[in-house]
Amino acid sequence: MCTEVVSASFSVTGASASEAKPERGSAGGAAGLDRESASVSSSAVLGSETVVAGVSDTHNFLSRKLEVKDEVIKEAVVGPSEAILTIKSLPLNEKLVLWKTRESKINYYTKMDISEYLLILEKIKRYKLKEEDQWDLLKVPFDVANEELMDKFLEYVDEIFVGKVDEITKPQCFTGNLDDLEMYYRKINMYYSFSKIFNLKFDVNWVYNERLKVSEDINEILIKI
């Protein structure tokens, strides 16, 4: 029997930040390194208060947004949780399909699109991995439709499960154009995600310093456009 399971992470509609699509792979903190675009504000928490600093003419914009009343959350997007692994009679991809097709008992829950999960499971099928390892790989957040990122993903899978390494290769960038820098930034995030999810050795200072450097390089290019 496949019971309905709900992930700890979900997107909502009807709230002020609800336009974002539900994200795959938001487990274990590895998804926390998302793209850092050119910012117009920063915030810091002091005690129970949040202090927001703005630059240029953003003060009025920030003031208006801070005073906006949050809308009532009317719907949540949910995904399967690790509890699905306790069902032993079916492979993971079939269990996910079964979970998706079963009707939710709570009418304000919308089940997430699992097509990316299924694509990843198909790509890694040749490795014949344990189901727990397959599940962990589904936590890696990246654009599965991007061929270059998928190639990097499979490269890391190969390093970990075939090469049996305890530290994966750092990504590299040899040019400084906008597209290459943005791709490099995403690969750094993937390097971080794999390292965290699979408890590998990695240089955390390199990750943060490199992300900051790439962000600054991207911002400089965007300012000139």
N, C-alpha and C. Protein backbone atom coordinates (compact mmCIF):
# COMPACT_ATOMS: atom_id res chain seq x y z
N MET A 1 0.85 -1.19 0.00
CA MET A 1 0.00 0.00 0.00
C MET A 1 0.89 1.23 0.00
N CYS A 2 0.53 2.20 -0.79
CA CYS A 2 1.32 3.43 -0.88
C CYS A 2 0.57 4.55 -0.18
N THR A 3 1.01 4.90 1.01
CA THR A 3 0.36 5.96 1.76
C THR A 3 0.84 7.31 1.26
N GLU A 4 0.03 8.31 1.41
CA GLU A 4 0.42 9.64 0.95
C GLU A 4 1.42 10.25 1.90
N VAL A 5 2.48 10.76 1.37
CA VAL A 5 3.52 11.36 2.18
C VAL A 5 3.75 12.78 1.72
N VAL A 6 4.08 13.64 2.65
CA VAL A 6 4.22 15.06 2.36
C VAL A 6 5.61 15.50 2.73
N SER A 7 6.28 16.23 1.86
CA SER A 7 7.62 16.70 2.15
C SER A 7 7.58 17.90 3.08
N ALA A 8 8.72 18.14 3.74
CA ALA A 8 8.79 19.27 4.66
C ALA A 8 8.90 20.58 3.93
N SER A 9 9.17 20.53 2.65
CA SER A 9 9.34 21.75 1.87
C SER A 9 8.24 21.83 0.83
N PHE A 10 7.55 23.00 0.74
CA PHE A 10 6.52 23.15 -0.27
C PHE A 10 6.38 24.60 -0.65
N SER A 11 5.81 24.81 -1.85
CA SER A 11 5.51 26.16 -2.32
C SER A 11 4.04 26.43 -2.06
N VAL A 12 3.69 27.70 -1.95
CA VAL A 12 2.31 28.05 -1.67
C VAL A 12 1.80 29.04 -2.69
N THR A 13 0.49 29.02 -2.92
CA THR A 13 -0.12 30.03 -3.76
C THR A 13 -1.04 30.86 -2.91
N GLY A 14 -1.19 32.10 -3.28
CA GLY A 14 -2.02 33.01 -2.49
C GLY A 14 -1.20 33.83 -1.53
N ALA A 15 0.11 33.57 -1.44
CA ALA A 15 0.97 34.34 -0.55
C ALA A 15 1.81 35.28 -1.38
N SER A 16 2.44 36.23 -0.71
CA SER A 16 3.15 37.28 -1.44
C SER A 16 4.32 36.77 -2.25
N ALA A 17 4.91 35.64 -1.85
CA ALA A 17 6.06 35.11 -2.58
C ALA A 17 5.70 33.82 -3.30
N SER A 18 4.47 33.69 -3.69
CA SER A 18 4.00 32.41 -4.18
C SER A 18 4.21 32.17 -5.65
N GLU A 19 4.80 33.11 -6.37
CA GLU A 19 4.93 32.89 -7.79
C GLU A 19 5.98 31.86 -8.13
N ALA A 20 6.85 31.54 -7.15
CA ALA A 20 7.90 30.57 -7.43
C ALA A 20 7.30 29.19 -7.60
N LYS A 21 7.87 28.42 -8.55
CA LYS A 21 7.39 27.07 -8.78
C LYS A 21 7.93 26.17 -7.67
N PRO A 22 7.26 25.04 -7.40
CA PRO A 22 7.76 24.11 -6.39
C PRO A 22 9.13 23.62 -6.78
N GLU A 23 10.02 23.53 -5.82
CA GLU A 23 11.38 23.17 -6.12
C GLU A 23 11.64 21.71 -5.79
N ARG A 24 12.45 21.07 -6.65
CA ARG A 24 12.87 19.71 -6.40
C ARG A 24 14.18 19.76 -5.63
N GLY A 25 14.30 18.83 -4.68
CA GLY A 25 15.58 18.69 -4.03
C GLY A 25 15.85 19.68 -2.95
N SER A 26 14.88 20.06 -2.13
CA SER A 26 15.10 21.04 -1.09
C SER A 26 15.31 20.36 0.25
N ALA A 27 16.10 19.32 0.28
CA ALA A 27 16.31 18.58 1.51
C ALA A 27 17.73 18.75 1.99
N GLY A 28 17.90 18.61 3.31
CA GLY A 28 19.23 18.57 3.89
C GLY A 28 20.01 19.84 3.81
N GLY A 29 19.42 20.93 3.43
CA GLY A 29 20.13 22.20 3.36
C GLY A 29 20.96 22.38 2.12
N ALA A 30 21.04 21.35 1.28
CA ALA A 30 21.91 21.46 0.11
C ALA A 30 21.38 22.39 -0.94
N ALA A 31 20.12 22.65 -0.91
CA ALA A 31 19.53 23.51 -1.93
C ALA A 31 19.65 24.97 -1.58
N GLY A 32 20.30 25.26 -0.44
CA GLY A 32 20.33 26.63 0.02
C GLY A 32 21.17 27.56 -0.81
N LEU A 33 22.05 27.00 -1.68
CA LEU A 33 22.93 27.85 -2.47
C LEU A 33 22.31 28.11 -3.83
N ASP A 34 21.25 28.86 -3.89
CA ASP A 34 20.65 29.18 -5.17
C ASP A 34 21.34 30.39 -5.76
N ARG A 35 20.97 30.71 -7.00
CA ARG A 35 21.68 31.79 -7.69
C ARG A 35 21.50 33.11 -6.98
N GLU A 36 22.61 33.83 -6.85
CA GLU A 36 22.62 35.12 -6.19
C GLU A 36 22.69 36.19 -7.25
N SER A 37 21.59 36.86 -7.52
CA SER A 37 21.56 37.88 -8.56
C SER A 37 21.92 39.24 -7.98
N ALA A 38 21.98 40.24 -8.85
CA ALA A 38 22.31 41.58 -8.40
C ALA A 38 21.26 42.03 -7.39
N SER A 39 21.70 42.39 -6.19
CA SER A 39 20.74 42.68 -5.13
C SER A 39 20.57 44.17 -4.94
N VAL A 40 19.37 44.54 -4.46
CA VAL A 40 19.11 45.93 -4.16
C VAL A 40 18.92 46.14 -2.67
N SER A 41 18.93 45.07 -1.92
CA SER A 41 18.75 45.21 -0.48
C SER A 41 19.43 44.08 0.24
N SER A 42 19.64 44.25 1.55
CA SER A 42 20.16 43.20 2.40
C SER A 42 19.48 43.29 3.74
N SER A 43 19.49 42.20 4.49
CA SER A 43 18.82 42.22 5.78
C SER A 43 19.65 41.52 6.82
N ALA A 44 19.44 41.87 8.06
CA ALA A 44 20.12 41.23 9.18
C ALA A 44 19.14 41.13 10.33
N VAL A 45 19.24 40.04 11.09
CA VAL A 45 18.34 39.83 12.22
C VAL A 45 19.05 40.24 13.49
N LEU A 46 18.47 41.17 14.22
CA LEU A 46 19.01 41.65 15.49
C LEU A 46 17.98 41.37 16.56
N GLY A 47 18.26 40.33 17.39
CA GLY A 47 17.28 39.96 18.39
C GLY A 47 16.03 39.47 17.71
N SER A 48 14.89 40.08 18.03
CA SER A 48 13.63 39.68 17.42
C SER A 48 13.24 40.58 16.26
N GLU A 49 14.12 41.52 15.89
CA GLU A 49 13.81 42.45 14.82
C GLU A 49 14.67 42.18 13.59
N THR A 50 14.12 42.42 12.43
CA THR A 50 14.86 42.30 11.18
C THR A 50 15.11 43.69 10.62
N VAL A 51 16.40 44.00 10.39
CA VAL A 51 16.78 45.29 9.86
C VAL A 51 17.06 45.13 8.37
N VAL A 52 16.40 45.92 7.55
CA VAL A 52 16.58 45.84 6.10
C VAL A 52 17.26 47.10 5.61
N ALA A 53 18.35 46.92 4.87
CA ALA A 53 19.09 48.05 4.33
C ALA A 53 18.88 48.12 2.84
N GLY A 54 18.60 49.29 2.32
CA GLY A 54 18.39 49.46 0.88
C GLY A 54 19.42 50.40 0.29
N VAL A 55 19.62 50.31 -1.00
CA VAL A 55 20.54 51.20 -1.69
C VAL A 55 19.77 51.97 -2.74
N SER A 56 20.36 53.05 -3.19
CA SER A 56 19.79 53.88 -4.24
C SER A 56 18.38 54.33 -3.84
N ASP A 57 17.41 54.18 -4.76
CA ASP A 57 16.06 54.67 -4.50
C ASP A 57 15.12 53.55 -4.10
N THR A 58 15.67 52.51 -3.47
CA THR A 58 14.84 51.35 -3.13
C THR A 58 14.11 51.52 -1.80
N HIS A 59 14.41 52.59 -1.05
CA HIS A 59 13.83 52.73 0.29
C HIS A 59 12.31 52.74 0.26
N ASN A 60 11.72 53.53 -0.62
CA ASN A 60 10.26 53.59 -0.69
C ASN A 60 9.66 52.27 -1.13
N PHE A 61 10.31 51.62 -2.07
CA PHE A 61 9.83 50.32 -2.54
C PHE A 61 9.83 49.31 -1.40
N LEU A 62 10.94 49.27 -0.64
CA LEU A 62 11.04 48.34 0.48
C LEU A 62 10.01 48.66 1.55
N SER A 63 9.81 49.94 1.81
CA SER A 63 8.84 50.34 2.83
C SER A 63 7.44 49.86 2.47
N ARG A 64 7.07 50.01 1.19
CA ARG A 64 5.75 49.57 0.77
C ARG A 64 5.60 48.06 0.90
N LYS A 65 6.62 47.35 0.50
CA LYS A 65 6.55 45.89 0.55
C LYS A 65 6.50 45.37 1.98
N LEU A 66 7.22 46.04 2.88
CA LEU A 66 7.23 45.61 4.28
C LEU A 66 5.87 45.82 4.94
N GLU A 67 5.10 46.77 4.42
CA GLU A 67 3.81 47.08 5.02
C GLU A 67 2.65 46.30 4.38
N VAL A 68 2.94 45.55 3.31
CA VAL A 68 1.89 44.78 2.64
C VAL A 68 1.47 43.61 3.53
N LYS A 69 0.18 43.45 3.70
CA LYS A 69 -0.35 42.35 4.49
C LYS A 69 -0.31 41.06 3.69
N ASP A 70 0.19 40.01 4.31
CA ASP A 70 0.26 38.73 3.61
C ASP A 70 -1.13 38.20 3.30
N GLU A 71 -1.26 37.66 2.12
CA GLU A 71 -2.52 37.05 1.74
C GLU A 71 -2.67 35.68 2.40
N VAL A 72 -3.88 35.23 2.54
CA VAL A 72 -4.15 33.93 3.14
C VAL A 72 -3.66 32.82 2.21
N ILE A 73 -2.94 31.87 2.77
CA ILE A 73 -2.47 30.73 1.99
C ILE A 73 -3.64 29.79 1.73
N LYS A 74 -3.94 29.56 0.48
CA LYS A 74 -5.10 28.75 0.12
C LYS A 74 -4.73 27.39 -0.46
N GLU A 75 -3.48 27.23 -0.87
CA GLU A 75 -3.08 25.98 -1.51
C GLU A 75 -1.61 25.73 -1.28
N ALA A 76 -1.22 24.48 -1.11
CA ALA A 76 0.18 24.11 -0.92
C ALA A 76 0.56 23.01 -1.91
N VAL A 77 1.77 23.09 -2.42
CA VAL A 77 2.29 22.06 -3.31
C VAL A 77 3.16 21.13 -2.48
N VAL A 78 2.86 19.85 -2.52
CA VAL A 78 3.57 18.89 -1.68
C VAL A 78 4.24 17.83 -2.54
N GLY A 79 5.25 17.20 -1.95
CA GLY A 79 5.96 16.14 -2.65
C GLY A 79 6.09 14.92 -1.77
N PRO A 80 6.56 13.83 -2.33
CA PRO A 80 6.74 12.60 -1.55
C PRO A 80 7.89 12.76 -0.56
N SER A 81 7.80 12.07 0.55
CA SER A 81 8.88 12.12 1.54
C SER A 81 9.65 10.81 1.54
N GLU A 82 10.67 10.76 2.36
CA GLU A 82 11.52 9.58 2.44
C GLU A 82 10.77 8.34 2.90
N ALA A 83 9.58 8.54 3.49
CA ALA A 83 8.77 7.41 3.93
C ALA A 83 8.41 6.47 2.77
N ILE A 84 8.47 6.99 1.57
CA ILE A 84 8.14 6.15 0.40
C ILE A 84 9.14 5.01 0.24
N LEU A 85 10.33 5.15 0.81
CA LEU A 85 11.35 4.11 0.71
C LEU A 85 11.00 2.88 1.53
N THR A 86 10.07 3.01 2.47
CA THR A 86 9.70 1.87 3.31
C THR A 86 8.85 0.86 2.54
N ILE A 87 8.35 1.25 1.39
CA ILE A 87 7.57 0.32 0.56
C ILE A 87 8.55 -0.46 -0.31
N LYS A 88 8.64 -1.76 -0.08
CA LYS A 88 9.69 -2.57 -0.70
C LYS A 88 9.24 -3.35 -1.93
N SER A 89 7.98 -3.36 -2.24
CA SER A 89 7.47 -4.24 -3.30
C SER A 89 7.60 -3.66 -4.71
N LEU A 90 7.97 -2.38 -4.82
CA LEU A 90 8.05 -1.72 -6.13
C LEU A 90 9.34 -0.92 -6.25
N PRO A 91 9.86 -0.74 -7.48
CA PRO A 91 11.01 0.16 -7.67
C PRO A 91 10.59 1.60 -7.41
N LEU A 92 11.55 2.47 -7.18
CA LEU A 92 11.28 3.84 -6.77
C LEU A 92 10.45 4.60 -7.81
N ASN A 93 10.78 4.44 -9.08
CA ASN A 93 10.03 5.19 -10.09
C ASN A 93 8.55 4.81 -10.11
N GLU A 94 8.24 3.53 -9.93
CA GLU A 94 6.85 3.09 -9.91
C GLU A 94 6.13 3.59 -8.65
N LYS A 95 6.85 3.64 -7.55
CA LYS A 95 6.24 4.15 -6.31
C LYS A 95 5.90 5.63 -6.45
N LEU A 96 6.78 6.36 -7.11
CA LEU A 96 6.52 7.78 -7.32
C LEU A 96 5.29 8.00 -8.21
N VAL A 97 5.18 7.20 -9.26
CA VAL A 97 4.02 7.30 -10.14
C VAL A 97 2.74 6.96 -9.37
N LEU A 98 2.80 5.92 -8.55
CA LEU A 98 1.65 5.53 -7.76
C LEU A 98 1.25 6.65 -6.79
N TRP A 99 2.27 7.24 -6.15
CA TRP A 99 2.00 8.36 -5.23
C TRP A 99 1.32 9.51 -5.97
N LYS A 100 1.82 9.83 -7.16
CA LYS A 100 1.28 10.95 -7.93
C LYS A 100 -0.16 10.71 -8.35
N THR A 101 -0.49 9.47 -8.70
CA THR A 101 -1.82 9.20 -9.24
C THR A 101 -2.87 9.01 -8.15
N ARG A 102 -2.46 8.73 -6.93
CA ARG A 102 -3.43 8.58 -5.85
C ARG A 102 -4.02 9.94 -5.48
N GLU A 103 -5.30 9.99 -5.31
CA GLU A 103 -5.98 11.24 -4.99
C GLU A 103 -5.65 11.69 -3.57
N SER A 104 -5.35 12.98 -3.42
CA SER A 104 -5.04 13.53 -2.11
C SER A 104 -6.30 13.62 -1.27
N LYS A 105 -6.18 13.30 0.01
CA LYS A 105 -7.33 13.36 0.91
C LYS A 105 -7.58 14.78 1.41
N ILE A 106 -6.63 15.67 1.17
CA ILE A 106 -6.76 17.05 1.63
C ILE A 106 -6.86 17.94 0.40
N ASN A 107 -7.99 18.63 0.25
CA ASN A 107 -8.27 19.31 -1.02
C ASN A 107 -7.39 20.53 -1.30
N TYR A 108 -6.71 21.08 -0.30
CA TYR A 108 -5.86 22.24 -0.57
C TYR A 108 -4.40 21.85 -0.83
N TYR A 109 -4.13 20.56 -0.92
CA TYR A 109 -2.81 20.09 -1.33
C TYR A 109 -2.81 19.78 -2.83
N THR A 110 -1.80 20.27 -3.53
CA THR A 110 -1.58 19.91 -4.93
C THR A 110 -0.26 19.16 -5.02
N LYS A 111 -0.28 17.99 -5.60
CA LYS A 111 0.94 17.20 -5.67
C LYS A 111 1.88 17.76 -6.74
N MET A 112 3.15 17.76 -6.42
CA MET A 112 4.16 18.31 -7.30
C MET A 112 4.31 17.46 -8.56
N ASP A 113 4.84 18.08 -9.59
CA ASP A 113 5.17 17.39 -10.83
C ASP A 113 6.40 16.51 -10.59
N ILE A 114 6.31 15.23 -10.84
CA ILE A 114 7.43 14.32 -10.58
C ILE A 114 8.19 13.96 -11.85
N SER A 115 7.93 14.65 -12.95
CA SER A 115 8.57 14.29 -14.21
C SER A 115 10.10 14.42 -14.13
N GLU A 116 10.59 15.40 -13.38
CA GLU A 116 12.04 15.55 -13.25
C GLU A 116 12.62 14.39 -12.45
N TYR A 117 11.93 13.96 -11.42
CA TYR A 117 12.36 12.79 -10.65
C TYR A 117 12.50 11.57 -11.57
N LEU A 118 11.48 11.36 -12.38
CA LEU A 118 11.46 10.19 -13.26
C LEU A 118 12.57 10.25 -14.30
N LEU A 119 12.84 11.45 -14.81
CA LEU A 119 13.92 11.61 -15.78
C LEU A 119 15.27 11.28 -15.16
N ILE A 120 15.51 11.78 -13.95
CA ILE A 120 16.77 11.50 -13.27
C ILE A 120 16.93 10.00 -13.00
N LEU A 121 15.86 9.37 -12.54
CA LEU A 121 15.92 7.94 -12.26
C LEU A 121 16.22 7.15 -13.53
N GLU A 122 15.71 7.59 -14.66
CA GLU A 122 16.00 6.93 -15.93
C GLU A 122 17.47 7.12 -16.31
N LYS A 123 18.00 8.32 -16.07
CA LYS A 123 19.39 8.62 -16.42
C LYS A 123 20.39 7.82 -15.58
N ILE A 124 20.04 7.54 -14.32
CA ILE A 124 20.99 6.85 -13.43
C ILE A 124 20.70 5.35 -13.34
N LYS A 125 19.75 4.86 -14.13
CA LYS A 125 19.34 3.45 -14.04
C LYS A 125 20.52 2.50 -14.27
N ARG A 126 21.43 2.88 -15.14
CA ARG A 126 22.53 1.99 -15.49
C ARG A 126 23.49 1.75 -14.33
N TYR A 127 23.45 2.61 -13.32
CA TYR A 127 24.35 2.46 -12.18
C TYR A 127 23.85 1.42 -11.17
N LYS A 128 22.58 1.02 -11.29
CA LYS A 128 22.00 0.01 -10.40
C LYS A 128 22.25 0.36 -8.93
N LEU A 129 21.86 1.55 -8.56
CA LEU A 129 22.11 2.05 -7.21
C LEU A 129 21.05 1.58 -6.23
N LYS A 130 21.44 1.57 -4.97
CA LYS A 130 20.47 1.30 -3.91
C LYS A 130 19.40 2.40 -3.93
N GLU A 131 18.21 2.05 -3.50
CA GLU A 131 17.11 3.01 -3.55
C GLU A 131 17.40 4.24 -2.70
N GLU A 132 18.08 4.05 -1.59
CA GLU A 132 18.43 5.19 -0.73
C GLU A 132 19.35 6.16 -1.46
N ASP A 133 20.28 5.62 -2.25
CA ASP A 133 21.18 6.48 -3.02
C ASP A 133 20.43 7.19 -4.16
N GLN A 134 19.49 6.48 -4.77
CA GLN A 134 18.67 7.12 -5.80
C GLN A 134 17.89 8.30 -5.21
N TRP A 135 17.34 8.07 -4.03
CA TRP A 135 16.57 9.12 -3.36
C TRP A 135 17.44 10.33 -3.06
N ASP A 136 18.65 10.08 -2.58
CA ASP A 136 19.56 11.18 -2.29
C ASP A 136 19.89 11.97 -3.54
N LEU A 137 20.04 11.30 -4.66
CA LEU A 137 20.35 12.00 -5.91
C LEU A 137 19.19 12.88 -6.36
N LEU A 138 17.98 12.50 -6.02
CA LEU A 138 16.82 13.33 -6.36
C LEU A 138 16.81 14.64 -5.59
N LYS A 139 17.59 14.72 -4.52
CA LYS A 139 17.65 15.94 -3.71
C LYS A 139 18.54 17.02 -4.32
N VAL A 140 19.37 16.63 -5.29
CA VAL A 140 20.29 17.60 -5.89
C VAL A 140 19.50 18.56 -6.77
N PRO A 141 19.48 19.84 -6.44
CA PRO A 141 18.67 20.79 -7.21
C PRO A 141 19.41 21.32 -8.43
N PHE A 142 18.85 21.09 -9.60
CA PHE A 142 19.43 21.65 -10.82
C PHE A 142 18.39 21.55 -11.94
N ASP A 143 18.64 22.26 -13.01
CA ASP A 143 17.75 22.27 -14.17
C ASP A 143 18.02 21.01 -14.99
N VAL A 144 17.17 20.02 -14.85
CA VAL A 144 17.41 18.74 -15.53
C VAL A 144 17.28 18.86 -17.04
N ALA A 145 16.64 19.92 -17.52
CA ALA A 145 16.49 20.11 -18.96
C ALA A 145 17.75 20.69 -19.60
N ASN A 146 18.69 21.15 -18.78
CA ASN A 146 19.93 21.72 -19.29
C ASN A 146 20.93 20.59 -19.50
N GLU A 147 21.30 20.36 -20.74
CA GLU A 147 22.16 19.23 -21.07
C GLU A 147 23.53 19.30 -20.39
N GLU A 148 24.09 20.50 -20.34
CA GLU A 148 25.41 20.64 -19.72
C GLU A 148 25.37 20.34 -18.23
N LEU A 149 24.31 20.78 -17.56
CA LEU A 149 24.17 20.49 -16.13
C LEU A 149 23.89 19.01 -15.89
N MET A 150 23.10 18.40 -16.77
CA MET A 150 22.84 16.97 -16.63
C MET A 150 24.13 16.17 -16.81
N ASP A 151 24.96 16.58 -17.76
CA ASP A 151 26.24 15.91 -17.96
C ASP A 151 27.11 16.03 -16.71
N LYS A 152 27.11 17.22 -16.09
CA LYS A 152 27.90 17.41 -14.87
C LYS A 152 27.34 16.56 -13.73
N PHE A 153 26.02 16.50 -13.63
CA PHE A 153 25.37 15.67 -12.63
C PHE A 153 25.81 14.21 -12.76
N LEU A 154 25.77 13.68 -13.98
CA LEU A 154 26.15 12.28 -14.22
C LEU A 154 27.65 12.08 -14.00
N GLU A 155 28.42 13.10 -14.28
CA GLU A 155 29.87 13.03 -14.02
C GLU A 155 30.12 12.85 -12.53
N TYR A 156 29.39 13.58 -11.70
CA TYR A 156 29.53 13.44 -10.26
C TYR A 156 29.01 12.10 -9.76
N VAL A 157 27.92 11.62 -10.35
CA VAL A 157 27.41 10.29 -9.99
C VAL A 157 28.48 9.24 -10.28
N ASP A 158 29.14 9.38 -11.42
CA ASP A 158 30.19 8.45 -11.80
C ASP A 158 31.37 8.51 -10.83
N GLU A 159 31.76 9.71 -10.45
CA GLU A 159 32.89 9.86 -9.51
C GLU A 159 32.58 9.20 -8.18
N ILE A 160 31.35 9.36 -7.70
CA ILE A 160 30.99 8.86 -6.37
C ILE A 160 30.75 7.36 -6.36
N PHE A 161 29.98 6.87 -7.33
CA PHE A 161 29.53 5.48 -7.26
C PHE A 161 30.36 4.51 -8.10
N VAL A 162 31.17 5.03 -9.01
CA VAL A 162 32.09 4.18 -9.76
C VAL A 162 33.52 4.42 -9.28
N GLY A 163 33.92 5.69 -9.23
CA GLY A 163 35.26 6.02 -8.78
C GLY A 163 35.45 5.91 -7.29
N LYS A 164 34.34 5.88 -6.53
CA LYS A 164 34.39 5.75 -5.06
C LYS A 164 35.27 6.83 -4.41
N VAL A 165 35.22 8.05 -4.94
CA VAL A 165 36.03 9.12 -4.40
C VAL A 165 35.41 9.66 -3.11
N ASP A 166 36.23 10.27 -2.27
CA ASP A 166 35.70 10.92 -1.06
C ASP A 166 35.67 12.44 -1.21
N GLU A 167 36.07 12.91 -2.41
CA GLU A 167 36.01 14.34 -2.72
C GLU A 167 35.85 14.48 -4.23
N ILE A 168 34.78 15.15 -4.66
CA ILE A 168 34.53 15.27 -6.10
C ILE A 168 35.30 16.45 -6.69
N THR A 169 35.41 16.47 -8.01
CA THR A 169 36.18 17.49 -8.71
C THR A 169 35.49 18.85 -8.67
N LYS A 170 36.24 19.88 -8.38
CA LYS A 170 35.69 21.23 -8.42
C LYS A 170 35.41 21.63 -9.87
N PRO A 171 34.31 22.33 -10.12
CA PRO A 171 34.06 22.82 -11.49
C PRO A 171 35.05 23.91 -11.85
N GLN A 172 35.21 24.16 -13.14
CA GLN A 172 36.12 25.19 -13.62
C GLN A 172 35.44 26.07 -14.66
N CYS A 173 35.95 27.28 -14.80
CA CYS A 173 35.44 28.20 -15.81
C CYS A 173 36.63 28.88 -16.47
N PHE A 174 36.73 28.77 -17.80
CA PHE A 174 37.91 29.28 -18.51
C PHE A 174 37.63 30.56 -19.28
N THR A 175 36.38 30.99 -19.32
CA THR A 175 36.05 32.24 -20.00
C THR A 175 35.22 33.10 -19.07
N GLY A 176 35.06 34.37 -19.45
CA GLY A 176 34.37 35.30 -18.57
C GLY A 176 33.11 35.89 -19.14
N ASN A 177 32.51 35.25 -20.17
CA ASN A 177 31.28 35.82 -20.69
C ASN A 177 30.10 35.46 -19.78
N LEU A 178 28.98 36.13 -19.96
CA LEU A 178 27.85 36.02 -19.05
C LEU A 178 27.31 34.59 -18.98
N ASP A 179 27.11 33.97 -20.12
CA ASP A 179 26.54 32.62 -20.13
C ASP A 179 27.44 31.62 -19.41
N ASP A 180 28.73 31.72 -19.65
CA ASP A 180 29.66 30.79 -19.01
C ASP A 180 29.73 31.02 -17.51
N LEU A 181 29.69 32.27 -17.09
CA LEU A 181 29.73 32.57 -15.66
C LEU A 181 28.48 32.06 -14.95
N GLU A 182 27.33 32.24 -15.59
CA GLU A 182 26.08 31.75 -14.99
C GLU A 182 26.10 30.22 -14.89
N MET A 183 26.61 29.54 -15.92
CA MET A 183 26.71 28.09 -15.88
C MET A 183 27.70 27.64 -14.80
N TYR A 184 28.79 28.34 -14.70
CA TYR A 184 29.80 28.03 -13.69
C TYR A 184 29.22 28.17 -12.29
N TYR A 185 28.43 29.20 -12.08
CA TYR A 185 27.79 29.42 -10.79
C TYR A 185 26.89 28.23 -10.43
N ARG A 186 26.14 27.75 -11.40
CA ARG A 186 25.25 26.61 -11.16
C ARG A 186 26.05 25.34 -10.87
N LYS A 187 27.18 25.20 -11.52
CA LYS A 187 28.02 24.02 -11.27
C LYS A 187 28.65 24.07 -9.87
N ILE A 188 28.98 25.26 -9.42
CA ILE A 188 29.48 25.40 -8.05
C ILE A 188 28.40 24.94 -7.06
N ASN A 189 27.17 25.36 -7.30
CA ASN A 189 26.06 24.95 -6.44
C ASN A 189 25.88 23.44 -6.47
N MET A 190 26.03 22.84 -7.63
CA MET A 190 25.90 21.39 -7.73
C MET A 190 27.03 20.69 -6.97
N TYR A 191 28.23 21.21 -7.10
CA TYR A 191 29.38 20.68 -6.36
C TYR A 191 29.10 20.71 -4.86
N TYR A 192 28.56 21.83 -4.40
CA TYR A 192 28.23 21.98 -2.99
C TYR A 192 27.13 20.99 -2.58
N SER A 193 26.10 20.88 -3.39
CA SER A 193 24.97 20.00 -3.07
C SER A 193 25.41 18.54 -2.97
N PHE A 194 26.16 18.07 -3.94
CA PHE A 194 26.65 16.69 -3.90
C PHE A 194 27.51 16.46 -2.66
N SER A 195 28.38 17.41 -2.38
CA SER A 195 29.29 17.26 -1.24
C SER A 195 28.54 17.18 0.08
N LYS A 196 27.51 18.02 0.22
CA LYS A 196 26.73 18.03 1.46
C LYS A 196 25.86 16.78 1.58
N ILE A 197 25.16 16.44 0.51
CA ILE A 197 24.22 15.32 0.57
C ILE A 197 24.93 13.99 0.82
N PHE A 198 26.10 13.82 0.22
CA PHE A 198 26.81 12.55 0.35
C PHE A 198 27.98 12.62 1.34
N ASN A 199 28.01 13.66 2.15
CA ASN A 199 29.01 13.80 3.23
C ASN A 199 30.44 13.64 2.71
N LEU A 200 30.74 14.34 1.61
CA LEU A 200 32.07 14.29 1.03
C LEU A 200 32.93 15.44 1.58
N LYS A 201 34.21 15.27 1.48
CA LYS A 201 35.13 16.36 1.84
C LYS A 201 35.03 17.45 0.77
N PHE A 202 34.99 18.70 1.20
CA PHE A 202 35.00 19.79 0.24
C PHE A 202 35.47 21.07 0.91
N ASP A 203 35.89 22.01 0.09
CA ASP A 203 36.44 23.27 0.57
C ASP A 203 35.32 24.30 0.63
N VAL A 204 34.72 24.46 1.82
CA VAL A 204 33.59 25.37 1.95
C VAL A 204 34.00 26.81 1.70
N ASN A 205 35.21 27.18 2.09
CA ASN A 205 35.67 28.55 1.85
C ASN A 205 35.79 28.83 0.35
N TRP A 206 36.26 27.84 -0.39
CA TRP A 206 36.35 28.00 -1.84
C TRP A 206 34.96 28.22 -2.43
N VAL A 207 33.98 27.45 -1.96
CA VAL A 207 32.61 27.58 -2.47
C VAL A 207 32.09 28.99 -2.27
N TYR A 208 32.17 29.50 -1.06
CA TYR A 208 31.61 30.82 -0.78
C TYR A 208 32.41 31.93 -1.46
N ASN A 209 33.73 31.81 -1.46
CA ASN A 209 34.54 32.84 -2.10
C ASN A 209 34.33 32.85 -3.62
N GLU A 210 34.24 31.68 -4.20
CA GLU A 210 34.07 31.58 -5.65
C GLU A 210 32.68 32.07 -6.05
N ARG A 211 31.67 31.73 -5.26
CA ARG A 211 30.32 32.22 -5.54
C ARG A 211 30.27 33.75 -5.50
N LEU A 212 30.94 34.31 -4.49
CA LEU A 212 30.96 35.77 -4.37
C LEU A 212 31.67 36.40 -5.56
N LYS A 213 32.79 35.83 -5.95
CA LYS A 213 33.56 36.37 -7.08
C LYS A 213 32.74 36.29 -8.37
N VAL A 214 32.10 35.15 -8.61
CA VAL A 214 31.32 34.99 -9.83
C VAL A 214 30.11 35.93 -9.82
N SER A 215 29.48 36.08 -8.66
CA SER A 215 28.35 37.01 -8.55
C SER A 215 28.77 38.43 -8.91
N GLU A 216 29.92 38.84 -8.41
CA GLU A 216 30.41 40.19 -8.71
C GLU A 216 30.72 40.34 -10.19
N ASP A 217 31.32 39.30 -10.78
CA ASP A 217 31.63 39.35 -12.22
C ASP A 217 30.34 39.44 -13.05
N ILE A 218 29.32 38.68 -12.65
CA ILE A 218 28.03 38.72 -13.35
C ILE A 218 27.39 40.09 -13.23
N ASN A 219 27.43 40.64 -12.02
CA ASN A 219 26.83 41.95 -11.79
C ASN A 219 27.51 43.04 -12.61
N GLU A 220 28.83 42.95 -12.73
CA GLU A 220 29.56 43.94 -13.51
C GLU A 220 29.13 43.90 -14.97
N ILE A 221 28.92 42.70 -15.49
CA ILE A 221 28.48 42.56 -16.88
C ILE A 221 27.07 43.10 -17.04
N LEU A 222 26.17 42.78 -16.09
CA LEU A 222 24.78 43.21 -16.18
C LEU A 222 24.66 44.73 -16.11
N ILE A 223 25.50 45.33 -15.29
CA ILE A 223 25.45 46.80 -15.16
C ILE A 223 25.79 47.49 -16.48
N LYS A 224 26.67 46.86 -17.27
CA LYS A 224 27.11 47.44 -18.53
C LYS A 224 26.12 47.23 -19.68
N ILE A 225 25.19 46.31 -19.47
CA ILE A 225 24.24 46.01 -20.54
C ILE A 225 23.19 47.12 -20.66
